[in-house]
Amino acid sequence: METRIYKKENSLSFFKLLKGSATDICKSRFLARQLAERDIKAQYRQSYLGIIWAFIMPITTAIVWIFLSSSGTVQLSDTGISYPVYVFSGTLIWSIFKEALMMPTSSTNSARGLLSKINFPKEALILSGIYKMLFNSLFKIVLLFVLMLIYKISFSFTLLLFPLGLLSLILLGVSVGLIVTPFSMLYNDVGKIINLGLSFFMYVTPVVYALPDTGLMKTIMELNPLTYVIGITRDILFGGTFTYLMPYLGVVLISLPILVLGLVWYRLSIPVIVERLSA
């Protein structure tokens, strides 16, 4: 049986922490899969609607904006494709990003009872959350493809790149989520502020309406990095113009060092979180 000796260190090595995090991610794949399967079964076992709950947020948001647009209450610019498909794809992509951002906090929070009792790689919680998120996203994407068939929208060859677009979307969300998780775990106000901020950012991102040609809103949206992530992911789906490809690649590249910092920060802060929760 392996014996571990814990002792106080005077200095912490960034690369040592990163290597330990990467090693634990690789070693905890089986545990993460088991945790994901357990949580998915528990999530839908006590629900009559089951997997339908995964569609509730994008469907209800899309219905509201379709009604506002069709009734003339809100005047929206041309989206280039059928508006129901445009708004549903936008809310779907947004829901995946939001789930990715909140996932590190929710996965860690749901394992409060295990953190202080069992010694296991905590990175398994993040990997388990990604598995669950991909499972839920799969059904949403299938529904989107069905909607595209109903509205007779042709499938472009760029659709083959959609998994990469989805991966970059999740990468950005998880990277930011890892940074804020320790604060959200220790202070409930942080989680509420993030939810409030996401509600605001949704309306300064081309989720339910297209980027304006001119005006203040165009300037604000162009300063929002999520504009490029949502826009290019949608262009991949529908074979768009890829106007903002370079800013999108810039956001993706910036996400990589943020992910590295997030993994190290998460690994470094977990002992503090466990100590606070156990106090």
Protein backbone atom coordinates (compact mmCIF):
# COMPACT_ATOMS: atom_id res chain seq x y z
CA MET A 1 0.00 0.00 0.00
CA GLU A 2 1.30 3.43 -0.96
CA THR A 3 2.36 5.65 1.92
CA ARG A 4 2.06 9.42 1.56
CA ILE A 5 3.80 11.88 3.83
CA TYR A 6 2.43 15.43 3.93
CA LYS A 7 4.69 18.21 5.07
CA LYS A 8 4.79 21.95 4.89
CA GLU A 9 6.77 23.35 1.98
CA ASN A 10 8.47 26.72 2.01
CA SER A 11 8.07 27.17 -1.73
CA LEU A 12 5.68 25.97 -4.40
CA SER A 13 6.76 25.12 -7.90
CA PHE A 14 4.34 26.20 -10.63
CA PHE A 15 5.51 23.53 -13.05
CA LYS A 16 5.44 20.86 -10.34
CA LEU A 17 1.83 21.73 -9.58
CA LEU A 18 0.96 21.71 -13.28
CA LYS A 19 2.64 18.35 -13.82
CA GLY A 20 0.83 16.91 -10.81
CA SER A 21 -2.50 18.20 -12.13
CA ALA A 22 -1.93 16.74 -15.60
CA THR A 23 -0.85 13.41 -14.10
CA ASP A 24 -3.92 13.20 -11.89
CA ILE A 25 -6.19 14.03 -14.84
CA CYS A 26 -4.77 11.08 -16.77
CA LYS A 27 -4.93 8.74 -13.78
CA SER A 28 -8.47 9.70 -12.80
CA ARG A 29 -10.21 9.01 -16.13
CA PHE A 30 -11.89 5.84 -14.88
CA LEU A 31 -12.97 7.49 -11.62
CA ALA A 32 -14.30 10.50 -13.53
CA ARG A 33 -16.34 8.26 -15.82
CA GLN A 34 -17.79 6.39 -12.83
CA LEU A 35 -18.72 9.67 -11.12
CA ALA A 36 -20.30 10.98 -14.32
CA GLU A 37 -22.38 7.83 -14.81
CA ARG A 38 -23.52 7.97 -11.19
CA ASP A 39 -24.53 11.63 -11.41
CA ILE A 40 -26.31 11.26 -14.76
CA LYS A 41 -28.38 8.32 -13.50
CA ALA A 42 -29.20 10.15 -10.28
CA GLN A 43 -30.07 13.32 -12.17
CA TYR A 44 -32.77 11.71 -14.31
CA ARG A 45 -33.91 8.83 -12.08
CA GLN A 46 -36.20 11.05 -10.00
CA SER A 47 -37.50 13.16 -12.89
CA TYR A 48 -40.55 12.47 -15.05
CA LEU A 49 -39.27 14.65 -17.90
CA GLY A 50 -35.75 13.19 -17.75
CA ILE A 51 -33.41 14.42 -20.48
CA ILE A 52 -35.99 16.99 -21.63
CA TRP A 53 -34.74 19.28 -18.86
CA ALA A 54 -31.53 19.68 -20.86
CA PHE A 55 -33.58 21.48 -23.55
CA ILE A 56 -35.70 23.70 -21.30
CA MET A 57 -33.41 26.74 -21.16
CA PRO A 58 -32.59 27.10 -24.90
CA ILE A 59 -36.15 26.20 -25.98
CA THR A 60 -37.92 28.64 -23.63
CA THR A 61 -35.52 31.49 -24.45
CA ALA A 62 -35.91 30.83 -28.18
CA ILE A 63 -39.73 30.77 -27.93
CA VAL A 64 -39.78 34.13 -26.12
CA TRP A 65 -37.62 35.84 -28.75
CA ILE A 66 -39.45 34.20 -31.66
CA PHE A 67 -42.71 35.59 -30.25
CA LEU A 68 -41.22 39.07 -29.73
CA SER A 69 -39.87 39.07 -33.28
CA SER A 70 -42.99 37.70 -35.00
CA SER A 71 -45.32 40.06 -33.08
CA GLY A 72 -43.28 43.09 -34.06
CA THR A 73 -42.58 44.00 -30.43
CA VAL A 74 -38.85 43.91 -31.12
CA GLN A 75 -37.38 44.88 -34.48
CA LEU A 76 -34.37 42.74 -35.29
CA SER A 77 -31.87 42.97 -38.13
CA ASP A 78 -31.59 40.26 -40.77
CA THR A 79 -29.80 37.16 -39.48
CA GLY A 80 -29.17 35.52 -42.87
CA ILE A 81 -30.98 32.30 -41.88
CA SER A 82 -34.41 31.41 -40.53
CA TYR A 83 -34.79 33.28 -37.24
CA PRO A 84 -36.09 30.30 -35.18
CA VAL A 85 -32.97 28.33 -36.16
CA TYR A 86 -30.75 31.36 -35.51
CA VAL A 87 -32.10 32.05 -32.03
CA PHE A 88 -32.21 28.38 -31.01
CA SER A 89 -28.63 27.79 -32.16
CA GLY A 90 -27.50 30.90 -30.29
CA THR A 91 -29.22 29.99 -27.03
CA LEU A 92 -27.95 26.41 -27.35
CA ILE A 93 -24.35 27.53 -27.84
CA TRP A 94 -24.73 30.01 -24.99
CA SER A 95 -26.15 27.35 -22.65
CA ILE A 96 -23.16 25.09 -23.36
CA PHE A 97 -20.74 27.93 -22.59
CA LYS A 98 -22.60 28.85 -19.40
CA GLU A 99 -22.66 25.23 -18.26
CA ALA A 100 -18.91 24.94 -18.96
CA LEU A 101 -18.19 28.06 -16.90
CA MET A 102 -20.32 26.97 -13.94
CA MET A 103 -19.29 23.30 -14.13
CA PRO A 104 -16.06 23.42 -12.01
CA THR A 105 -17.97 25.08 -9.19
CA SER A 106 -21.02 22.81 -9.39
CA SER A 107 -18.92 19.63 -9.64
CA THR A 108 -16.73 20.59 -6.70
CA ASN A 109 -19.68 21.78 -4.65
CA SER A 110 -21.61 18.54 -5.23
CA ALA A 111 -18.63 16.58 -3.85
CA ARG A 112 -18.40 18.49 -0.55
CA GLY A 113 -18.99 15.31 1.42
CA LEU A 114 -16.18 13.46 -0.35
CA LEU A 115 -13.54 16.18 -0.29
CA SER A 116 -12.88 16.01 3.44
CA LYS A 117 -13.34 12.24 3.83
CA ILE A 118 -11.67 10.52 0.88
CA ASN A 119 -8.27 11.14 -0.67
CA PHE A 120 -8.70 11.10 -4.44
CA PRO A 121 -7.50 13.24 -7.39
CA LYS A 122 -9.72 16.30 -7.26
CA GLU A 123 -9.21 16.83 -10.99
CA ALA A 124 -11.54 13.84 -11.43
CA LEU A 125 -14.39 16.19 -10.49
CA ILE A 126 -13.56 18.50 -13.41
CA LEU A 127 -13.20 15.64 -15.86
CA SER A 128 -16.46 14.13 -14.62
CA GLY A 129 -18.20 17.46 -15.14
CA ILE A 130 -16.93 17.63 -18.73
CA TYR A 131 -18.28 14.12 -19.39
CA LYS A 132 -21.71 15.10 -18.08
CA MET A 133 -21.68 18.31 -20.06
CA LEU A 134 -20.84 16.52 -23.32
CA PHE A 135 -23.62 14.00 -22.64
CA ASN A 136 -26.23 16.74 -22.15
CA SER A 137 -24.92 18.74 -25.13
CA LEU A 138 -25.24 15.77 -27.47
CA PHE A 139 -29.03 15.75 -27.18
CA LYS A 140 -29.24 19.52 -27.69
CA ILE A 141 -27.15 19.30 -30.86
CA VAL A 142 -29.31 16.48 -32.25
CA LEU A 143 -32.40 18.63 -31.68
CA LEU A 144 -30.71 21.53 -33.50
CA PHE A 145 -29.98 19.31 -36.52
CA VAL A 146 -33.63 18.22 -36.56
CA LEU A 147 -34.68 21.88 -36.54
CA MET A 148 -32.32 22.61 -39.43
CA LEU A 149 -33.96 19.82 -41.44
CA ILE A 150 -37.44 21.16 -40.66
CA TYR A 151 -36.52 24.64 -41.89
CA LYS A 152 -34.65 23.18 -44.89
CA ILE A 153 -31.27 24.67 -44.03
CA SER A 154 -28.52 22.97 -46.00
CA PHE A 155 -25.63 21.34 -44.19
CA SER A 156 -22.25 22.87 -45.03
CA PHE A 157 -18.93 21.02 -45.14
CA THR A 158 -17.78 23.36 -42.35
CA LEU A 159 -20.06 21.35 -40.08
CA LEU A 160 -17.20 18.85 -39.85
CA LEU A 161 -15.33 21.47 -37.81
CA PHE A 162 -18.15 21.84 -35.29
CA PRO A 163 -16.54 19.50 -32.70
CA LEU A 164 -13.51 21.82 -32.70
CA GLY A 165 -15.74 24.85 -32.27
CA LEU A 166 -17.55 23.13 -29.41
CA LEU A 167 -14.21 22.20 -27.83
CA SER A 168 -12.98 25.80 -27.93
CA LEU A 169 -16.28 26.95 -26.41
CA ILE A 170 -15.91 24.48 -23.53
CA LEU A 171 -12.21 25.33 -23.18
CA LEU A 172 -12.96 29.01 -22.61
CA GLY A 173 -15.78 28.31 -20.16
CA VAL A 174 -13.86 25.75 -18.10
CA SER A 175 -10.73 27.95 -18.03
CA VAL A 176 -12.61 30.87 -16.49
CA GLY A 177 -14.62 28.51 -14.28
CA LEU A 178 -11.48 27.04 -12.72
CA ILE A 179 -10.29 30.52 -11.76
CA VAL A 180 -13.52 31.54 -10.04
CA THR A 181 -14.35 28.17 -8.41
CA PRO A 182 -12.36 28.69 -5.16
CA PHE A 183 -14.03 32.08 -4.65
CA SER A 184 -17.49 30.67 -5.45
CA MET A 185 -16.95 27.80 -3.00
CA LEU A 186 -15.91 30.10 -0.17
CA TYR A 187 -18.27 33.01 -0.86
CA ASN A 188 -21.82 32.42 -2.13
CA ASP A 189 -22.07 36.01 -3.33
CA VAL A 190 -19.52 35.29 -6.07
CA GLY A 191 -21.78 32.68 -7.70
CA LYS A 192 -24.73 35.09 -7.65
CA ILE A 193 -22.64 37.86 -9.19
CA ILE A 194 -21.47 35.50 -11.96
CA ASN A 195 -25.06 34.49 -12.78
CA LEU A 196 -26.06 38.14 -12.91
CA GLY A 197 -23.08 38.97 -15.11
CA LEU A 198 -23.86 36.14 -17.53
CA SER A 199 -27.44 37.40 -17.88
CA PHE A 200 -26.04 40.78 -18.90
CA PHE A 201 -23.38 39.39 -21.23
CA MET A 202 -25.97 37.31 -23.09
CA TYR A 203 -27.58 40.52 -24.36
CA VAL A 204 -24.30 42.09 -25.46
CA THR A 205 -23.43 38.93 -27.40
CA PRO A 206 -25.02 37.92 -30.75
CA VAL A 207 -27.08 35.13 -29.18
CA VAL A 208 -30.65 36.13 -30.04
CA TYR A 209 -29.92 38.90 -32.55
CA ALA A 210 -27.22 39.65 -35.09
CA LEU A 211 -24.32 42.05 -34.59
CA PRO A 212 -25.53 45.57 -35.57
CA ASP A 213 -23.88 47.30 -38.53
CA THR A 214 -23.33 50.56 -36.64
CA GLY A 215 -23.92 52.20 -33.30
CA LEU A 216 -22.91 51.87 -29.66
CA MET A 217 -24.13 48.28 -29.36
CA LYS A 218 -21.83 47.24 -32.20
CA THR A 219 -18.86 48.77 -30.35
CA ILE A 220 -19.80 47.06 -27.08
CA MET A 221 -20.29 43.70 -28.78
CA GLU A 222 -16.94 43.93 -30.54
CA LEU A 223 -15.24 44.49 -27.17
CA ASN A 224 -16.89 41.32 -25.86
CA PRO A 225 -14.71 38.24 -26.58
CA LEU A 226 -17.78 35.99 -26.41
CA THR A 227 -19.04 37.69 -29.57
CA TYR A 228 -16.32 35.99 -31.60
CA VAL A 229 -16.70 32.60 -29.88
CA ILE A 230 -20.48 32.50 -30.38
CA GLY A 231 -20.30 34.00 -33.88
CA ILE A 232 -17.65 31.69 -35.30
CA THR A 233 -19.25 28.61 -33.71
CA ARG A 234 -22.50 29.56 -35.44
CA ASP A 235 -20.65 30.21 -38.72
CA ILE A 236 -19.24 26.69 -38.50
CA LEU A 237 -22.78 25.34 -38.18
CA PHE A 238 -24.25 27.26 -41.10
CA GLY A 239 -21.24 27.89 -43.34
CA GLY A 240 -21.05 31.61 -42.57
CA THR A 241 -18.59 34.26 -43.65
CA PHE A 242 -16.08 33.78 -40.77
CA THR A 243 -15.62 37.55 -40.62
CA TYR A 244 -14.12 37.52 -37.14
CA LEU A 245 -11.92 34.46 -37.53
CA MET A 246 -8.68 36.14 -36.39
CA PRO A 247 -10.16 37.61 -33.15
CA TYR A 248 -11.70 34.19 -32.51
CA LEU A 249 -8.33 32.45 -32.85
CA GLY A 250 -6.87 35.07 -30.52
CA VAL A 251 -9.50 34.30 -27.86
CA VAL A 252 -8.84 30.55 -28.22
CA LEU A 253 -5.08 31.05 -27.83
CA ILE A 254 -5.58 33.21 -24.75
CA SER A 255 -7.80 30.47 -23.29
CA LEU A 256 -4.89 28.01 -23.22
CA PRO A 257 -2.69 29.87 -20.69
CA ILE A 258 -5.83 30.70 -18.68
CA LEU A 259 -6.60 26.96 -18.56
CA VAL A 260 -3.05 26.21 -17.34
CA LEU A 261 -3.31 28.89 -14.65
CA GLY A 262 -6.78 27.63 -13.74
CA LEU A 263 -5.59 24.05 -13.23
CA VAL A 264 -2.70 25.17 -11.03
CA TRP A 265 -4.91 27.58 -9.09
CA TYR A 266 -7.55 24.89 -8.57
CA ARG A 267 -4.98 22.36 -7.34
CA LEU A 268 -3.40 24.93 -5.05
CA SER A 269 -6.70 26.11 -3.56
CA ILE A 270 -8.43 22.76 -2.97
CA PRO A 271 -6.64 22.09 0.38
CA VAL A 272 -7.73 25.54 1.59
CA ILE A 273 -11.32 24.88 0.49
CA VAL A 274 -11.36 21.48 2.23
CA GLU A 275 -9.96 23.06 5.40
CA ARG A 276 -12.57 25.85 5.38
CA LEU A 277 -15.46 23.46 4.67
CA SER A 278 -14.34 21.14 7.46
CA ALA A 279 -14.00 23.92 10.01
